[in-house]
């Protein structure tokens, strides 16, 4: 919740397919309605979806603190397979920051 009270939400349409960090109330609503997701696949740790991209991929924080991204666009978190993309939220935000800087320097969208 520290992140949400400091940042709120973020919309970065020019990073990769886009990166949309959902507002805290949406994360809580989604958690209440859909519950946690299994990361990766069906045997992994539980996680909470907190962001998405413009291509239908979901980002989730696992109970282990790591950040995961769905490997393909999905119709919902219950059908998605997830791959680990960062050890924790600060590392994920650093990747996002570097993608934004790359876009500003080169005009290339970067990747998350």
N, C-alpha and C. Protein backbone atom coordinates (compact mmCIF):
# COMPACT_ATOMS: atom_id res chain seq x y z
N UNK A 1 0.81 -1.19 0.00
CA UNK A 1 0.00 0.00 0.00
C UNK A 1 0.85 1.26 0.00
N UNK A 2 2.10 1.18 0.44
CA UNK A 2 2.98 2.34 0.42
C UNK A 2 3.10 2.88 -0.99
N UNK A 3 3.25 1.99 -1.96
CA UNK A 3 3.33 2.43 -3.36
C UNK A 3 2.08 3.20 -3.75
N UNK A 4 0.91 2.65 -3.45
CA UNK A 4 -0.35 3.27 -3.87
C UNK A 4 -0.57 4.61 -3.20
N UNK A 5 -0.14 4.78 -1.96
CA UNK A 5 -0.33 6.08 -1.31
C UNK A 5 0.65 7.11 -1.83
N UNK A 6 1.79 6.65 -2.37
CA UNK A 6 2.78 7.58 -2.91
C UNK A 6 2.53 7.90 -4.38
N UNK A 7 2.15 6.90 -5.16
CA UNK A 7 2.04 7.03 -6.61
C UNK A 7 0.59 7.05 -7.08
N UNK A 8 -0.24 6.21 -6.52
CA UNK A 8 -1.62 6.09 -6.97
C UNK A 8 -1.71 5.14 -8.13
N UNK A 9 -1.71 5.66 -9.35
CA UNK A 9 -1.75 4.83 -10.54
C UNK A 9 -0.83 5.44 -11.58
N UNK A 10 -0.48 4.65 -12.57
CA UNK A 10 0.38 5.14 -13.62
C UNK A 10 -0.06 4.65 -14.98
N UNK A 11 -0.01 5.52 -15.97
CA UNK A 11 -0.35 5.16 -17.33
C UNK A 11 0.81 5.54 -18.22
N UNK A 12 1.49 4.52 -18.74
CA UNK A 12 2.64 4.75 -19.60
C UNK A 12 2.39 4.03 -20.92
N UNK A 13 1.65 4.66 -21.79
CA UNK A 13 1.24 4.05 -23.05
C UNK A 13 2.36 3.82 -24.04
N UNK A 14 3.53 4.42 -23.83
CA UNK A 14 4.63 4.30 -24.78
C UNK A 14 5.71 3.32 -24.36
N UNK A 15 5.50 2.59 -23.28
CA UNK A 15 6.47 1.59 -22.82
C UNK A 15 5.99 0.23 -23.29
N UNK A 16 6.73 -0.36 -24.23
CA UNK A 16 6.31 -1.65 -24.79
C UNK A 16 4.92 -1.51 -25.41
N UNK A 17 4.02 -2.40 -25.04
CA UNK A 17 2.62 -2.29 -25.47
C UNK A 17 1.86 -1.29 -24.61
N UNK A 18 2.52 -0.74 -23.64
CA UNK A 18 1.90 0.15 -22.66
C UNK A 18 2.05 -0.49 -21.29
N UNK A 19 2.02 0.30 -20.25
CA UNK A 19 2.03 -0.23 -18.90
C UNK A 19 1.08 0.61 -18.07
N UNK A 20 0.13 -0.05 -17.47
CA UNK A 20 -0.93 0.61 -16.73
C UNK A 20 -0.96 0.04 -15.32
N UNK A 21 -0.41 0.81 -14.36
CA UNK A 21 -0.43 0.40 -12.95
C UNK A 21 -1.79 0.82 -12.41
N UNK A 22 -2.56 -0.16 -11.98
CA UNK A 22 -3.94 0.08 -11.57
C UNK A 22 -4.01 0.80 -10.23
N UNK A 23 -5.02 1.66 -10.05
CA UNK A 23 -5.20 2.32 -8.76
C UNK A 23 -5.53 1.30 -7.68
N UNK A 24 -5.20 1.63 -6.44
CA UNK A 24 -5.38 0.70 -5.32
C UNK A 24 -6.81 0.19 -5.20
N UNK A 25 -7.80 1.06 -5.41
CA UNK A 25 -9.18 0.60 -5.27
C UNK A 25 -9.54 -0.46 -6.31
N UNK A 26 -8.95 -0.37 -7.51
CA UNK A 26 -9.20 -1.38 -8.53
C UNK A 26 -8.52 -2.70 -8.16
N UNK A 27 -7.31 -2.61 -7.61
CA UNK A 27 -6.60 -3.82 -7.18
C UNK A 27 -7.39 -4.52 -6.08
N UNK A 28 -7.88 -3.76 -5.12
CA UNK A 28 -8.67 -4.34 -4.02
C UNK A 28 -9.97 -4.92 -4.56
N UNK A 29 -10.65 -4.20 -5.47
CA UNK A 29 -11.89 -4.71 -6.05
C UNK A 29 -11.63 -6.02 -6.78
N UNK A 30 -10.59 -6.03 -7.60
CA UNK A 30 -10.26 -7.24 -8.36
C UNK A 30 -9.92 -8.39 -7.42
N UNK A 31 -9.18 -8.10 -6.35
CA UNK A 31 -8.82 -9.12 -5.38
C UNK A 31 -10.08 -9.66 -4.70
N UNK A 32 -11.00 -8.78 -4.36
CA UNK A 32 -12.25 -9.19 -3.70
C UNK A 32 -13.12 -10.03 -4.63
N UNK A 33 -13.23 -9.61 -5.89
CA UNK A 33 -14.11 -10.31 -6.84
C UNK A 33 -13.48 -11.58 -7.41
N UNK A 34 -12.19 -11.52 -7.73
CA UNK A 34 -11.55 -12.63 -8.43
C UNK A 34 -10.62 -13.44 -7.54
N UNK A 35 -10.20 -12.88 -6.41
CA UNK A 35 -9.26 -13.56 -5.53
C UNK A 35 -7.85 -13.50 -6.08
N UNK A 36 -6.99 -14.32 -5.53
CA UNK A 36 -5.60 -14.36 -5.96
C UNK A 36 -5.47 -15.26 -7.18
N UNK A 37 -4.35 -15.15 -7.86
CA UNK A 37 -4.06 -16.00 -9.01
C UNK A 37 -2.89 -16.91 -8.67
N UNK A 38 -2.81 -18.05 -9.32
CA UNK A 38 -1.68 -18.96 -9.14
C UNK A 38 -0.56 -18.55 -10.08
N UNK A 39 0.64 -18.41 -9.55
CA UNK A 39 1.79 -17.95 -10.32
C UNK A 39 2.93 -18.94 -10.19
N UNK A 40 3.59 -19.33 -11.23
CA UNK A 40 3.09 -19.41 -12.59
C UNK A 40 2.20 -20.64 -12.75
N UNK A 41 1.35 -20.61 -13.70
CA UNK A 41 0.47 -21.74 -13.97
C UNK A 41 -0.40 -22.06 -12.77
N UNK A 42 -0.55 -23.34 -12.47
CA UNK A 42 -1.43 -23.75 -11.38
C UNK A 42 -0.68 -24.17 -10.14
N UNK A 43 0.63 -24.33 -10.20
CA UNK A 43 1.34 -24.82 -9.04
C UNK A 43 2.18 -23.80 -8.31
N UNK A 44 2.16 -22.55 -8.77
CA UNK A 44 3.03 -21.54 -8.20
C UNK A 44 2.44 -20.86 -6.98
N UNK A 45 3.15 -19.85 -6.47
CA UNK A 45 2.65 -19.09 -5.33
C UNK A 45 1.43 -18.26 -5.71
N UNK A 46 0.71 -17.80 -4.71
CA UNK A 46 -0.44 -16.93 -4.97
C UNK A 46 0.04 -15.52 -5.26
N UNK A 47 -0.73 -14.79 -6.07
CA UNK A 47 -0.36 -13.42 -6.40
C UNK A 47 -1.57 -12.54 -6.63
N UNK A 48 -1.34 -11.24 -6.67
CA UNK A 48 -2.38 -10.25 -6.87
C UNK A 48 -2.05 -9.43 -8.11
N UNK A 49 -2.99 -9.35 -9.05
CA UNK A 49 -2.80 -8.56 -10.27
C UNK A 49 -2.85 -7.08 -9.89
N UNK A 50 -1.80 -6.32 -10.32
CA UNK A 50 -1.75 -4.90 -9.99
C UNK A 50 -1.55 -4.02 -11.21
N UNK A 51 -1.29 -4.62 -12.38
CA UNK A 51 -1.03 -3.81 -13.57
C UNK A 51 -1.31 -4.64 -14.81
N UNK A 52 -1.35 -3.97 -15.95
CA UNK A 52 -1.55 -4.65 -17.24
C UNK A 52 -0.85 -3.84 -18.32
N UNK A 53 -0.77 -4.44 -19.51
CA UNK A 53 -0.24 -3.69 -20.64
C UNK A 53 -1.32 -3.58 -21.70
N UNK A 54 -1.05 -2.85 -22.76
CA UNK A 54 -2.04 -2.64 -23.81
C UNK A 54 -2.27 -3.85 -24.68
N UNK A 55 -1.50 -4.92 -24.46
CA UNK A 55 -1.64 -6.13 -25.25
C UNK A 55 -2.36 -7.25 -24.54
N UNK A 56 -2.91 -6.99 -23.36
CA UNK A 56 -3.67 -8.00 -22.63
C UNK A 56 -2.88 -8.82 -21.63
N UNK A 57 -1.61 -8.48 -21.44
CA UNK A 57 -0.82 -9.20 -20.43
C UNK A 57 -1.06 -8.57 -19.05
N UNK A 58 -0.99 -9.40 -18.04
CA UNK A 58 -1.22 -8.97 -16.66
C UNK A 58 0.09 -9.02 -15.88
N UNK A 59 0.24 -8.12 -14.90
CA UNK A 59 1.36 -8.14 -13.98
C UNK A 59 0.81 -8.40 -12.59
N UNK A 60 1.49 -9.27 -11.84
CA UNK A 60 1.03 -9.62 -10.49
C UNK A 60 2.21 -9.67 -9.54
N UNK A 61 1.94 -9.34 -8.28
CA UNK A 61 2.93 -9.50 -7.22
C UNK A 61 2.60 -10.80 -6.50
N UNK A 62 3.60 -11.67 -6.40
CA UNK A 62 3.41 -12.95 -5.73
C UNK A 62 3.57 -12.82 -4.23
N UNK A 63 3.11 -13.82 -3.51
CA UNK A 63 3.27 -13.81 -2.06
C UNK A 63 4.75 -13.86 -1.67
N UNK A 64 5.60 -14.22 -2.61
CA UNK A 64 7.05 -14.21 -2.39
C UNK A 64 7.66 -12.84 -2.64
N UNK A 65 6.84 -11.84 -3.04
CA UNK A 65 7.30 -10.48 -3.28
C UNK A 65 7.76 -10.24 -4.71
N UNK A 66 7.94 -11.30 -5.50
CA UNK A 66 8.39 -11.15 -6.88
C UNK A 66 7.25 -10.65 -7.77
N UNK A 67 7.62 -10.05 -8.90
CA UNK A 67 6.63 -9.57 -9.87
C UNK A 67 6.63 -10.54 -11.05
N UNK A 68 5.45 -10.91 -11.49
CA UNK A 68 5.25 -11.85 -12.58
C UNK A 68 4.43 -11.20 -13.68
N UNK A 69 4.65 -11.63 -14.94
CA UNK A 69 3.88 -11.15 -16.09
C UNK A 69 3.27 -12.36 -16.76
N UNK A 70 2.00 -12.24 -17.17
CA UNK A 70 1.40 -13.36 -17.90
C UNK A 70 2.15 -13.53 -19.21
N UNK A 71 2.37 -14.78 -19.60
CA UNK A 71 3.19 -15.06 -20.78
C UNK A 71 2.48 -14.75 -22.08
N UNK A 72 1.17 -14.71 -22.06
CA UNK A 72 0.38 -14.34 -23.23
C UNK A 72 -0.80 -13.48 -22.78
N UNK A 73 -1.43 -12.84 -23.73
CA UNK A 73 -2.67 -12.13 -23.41
C UNK A 73 -3.69 -13.16 -22.97
N UNK A 74 -4.49 -12.80 -22.00
CA UNK A 74 -5.46 -13.77 -21.49
C UNK A 74 -6.79 -13.09 -21.26
N UNK A 75 -7.82 -13.91 -21.15
CA UNK A 75 -9.15 -13.37 -20.88
C UNK A 75 -9.34 -13.13 -19.39
N UNK A 76 -8.43 -13.59 -18.58
CA UNK A 76 -8.51 -13.38 -17.14
C UNK A 76 -7.36 -14.04 -16.44
N UNK A 77 -7.08 -13.64 -15.18
CA UNK A 77 -5.94 -14.17 -14.47
C UNK A 77 -6.03 -15.66 -14.19
N UNK A 78 -7.23 -16.21 -14.18
CA UNK A 78 -7.36 -17.64 -13.89
C UNK A 78 -6.95 -18.52 -15.06
N UNK A 79 -6.81 -17.94 -16.25
CA UNK A 79 -6.41 -18.73 -17.42
C UNK A 79 -4.98 -18.44 -17.85
N UNK A 80 -4.29 -17.57 -17.13
CA UNK A 80 -2.97 -17.12 -17.56
C UNK A 80 -1.85 -17.96 -16.96
N UNK A 81 -0.78 -18.09 -17.72
CA UNK A 81 0.48 -18.63 -17.23
C UNK A 81 1.37 -17.42 -16.95
N UNK A 82 2.12 -17.43 -15.86
CA UNK A 82 2.93 -16.28 -15.48
C UNK A 82 4.41 -16.63 -15.44
N UNK A 83 5.24 -15.65 -15.84
CA UNK A 83 6.69 -15.77 -15.78
C UNK A 83 7.22 -14.67 -14.87
N UNK A 84 8.23 -14.99 -14.10
CA UNK A 84 8.85 -14.02 -13.20
C UNK A 84 9.63 -12.99 -14.01
N UNK A 85 9.40 -11.69 -13.74
CA UNK A 85 10.10 -10.63 -14.46
C UNK A 85 10.95 -9.75 -13.55
N UNK A 86 10.72 -9.80 -12.25
CA UNK A 86 11.51 -9.00 -11.30
C UNK A 86 11.46 -9.66 -9.93
N UNK A 87 12.51 -9.44 -9.17
CA UNK A 87 12.60 -10.03 -7.84
C UNK A 87 11.64 -9.38 -6.85
N UNK A 88 11.30 -8.11 -7.08
CA UNK A 88 10.39 -7.40 -6.19
C UNK A 88 9.84 -6.17 -6.91
N UNK A 89 8.94 -5.47 -6.26
CA UNK A 89 8.32 -4.29 -6.88
C UNK A 89 9.34 -3.19 -7.17
N UNK A 90 10.29 -2.89 -6.27
CA UNK A 90 11.29 -1.87 -6.62
C UNK A 90 12.08 -2.22 -7.89
N UNK A 91 12.43 -3.48 -8.07
CA UNK A 91 13.16 -3.87 -9.28
C UNK A 91 12.27 -3.71 -10.51
N UNK A 92 11.00 -4.07 -10.41
CA UNK A 92 10.05 -3.89 -11.51
C UNK A 92 9.94 -2.41 -11.87
N UNK A 93 9.82 -1.55 -10.85
CA UNK A 93 9.70 -0.11 -11.10
C UNK A 93 10.98 0.44 -11.72
N UNK A 94 12.14 -0.13 -11.36
CA UNK A 94 13.39 0.28 -11.98
C UNK A 94 13.40 -0.11 -13.47
N UNK A 95 12.92 -1.31 -13.79
CA UNK A 95 12.81 -1.72 -15.20
C UNK A 95 11.89 -0.77 -15.96
N UNK A 96 10.80 -0.41 -15.34
CA UNK A 96 9.85 0.51 -15.96
C UNK A 96 10.52 1.88 -16.17
N UNK A 97 11.23 2.34 -15.18
CA UNK A 97 11.94 3.62 -15.26
C UNK A 97 12.95 3.61 -16.40
N UNK A 98 13.72 2.53 -16.51
CA UNK A 98 14.71 2.44 -17.58
C UNK A 98 14.04 2.39 -18.96
N UNK A 99 12.87 1.76 -19.05
CA UNK A 99 12.14 1.75 -20.32
C UNK A 99 11.67 3.14 -20.70
N UNK A 100 11.22 3.91 -19.72
CA UNK A 100 10.80 5.29 -19.99
C UNK A 100 11.99 6.13 -20.45
N UNK A 101 13.12 5.98 -19.77
CA UNK A 101 14.32 6.73 -20.17
C UNK A 101 14.76 6.36 -21.58
N UNK A 102 14.69 5.08 -21.90
CA UNK A 102 15.04 4.64 -23.26
C UNK A 102 14.12 5.30 -24.28
N UNK A 103 12.84 5.34 -23.99
CA UNK A 103 11.89 5.97 -24.90
C UNK A 103 12.22 7.45 -25.08
N UNK A 104 12.54 8.13 -24.00
CA UNK A 104 12.86 9.56 -24.09
C UNK A 104 14.13 9.80 -24.90
N UNK A 105 15.13 8.92 -24.75
CA UNK A 105 16.40 9.08 -25.46
C UNK A 105 16.31 8.70 -26.92
N UNK A 106 15.61 7.60 -27.22
CA UNK A 106 15.68 7.02 -28.57
C UNK A 106 14.36 7.01 -29.33
N UNK A 107 13.25 7.17 -28.61
CA UNK A 107 11.94 7.05 -29.25
C UNK A 107 11.48 5.61 -29.37
N UNK A 108 12.33 4.66 -28.96
CA UNK A 108 11.95 3.24 -28.99
C UNK A 108 11.12 2.93 -27.76
N UNK A 109 10.10 2.08 -27.89
CA UNK A 109 9.15 1.89 -26.80
C UNK A 109 9.68 1.13 -25.59
N UNK A 110 10.80 0.46 -25.68
CA UNK A 110 11.27 -0.33 -24.54
C UNK A 110 10.46 -1.60 -24.40
N UNK A 111 10.68 -2.29 -23.32
CA UNK A 111 10.04 -3.59 -23.14
C UNK A 111 9.95 -3.90 -21.66
N UNK A 112 8.83 -4.45 -21.26
CA UNK A 112 8.66 -4.95 -19.90
C UNK A 112 8.18 -6.37 -19.94
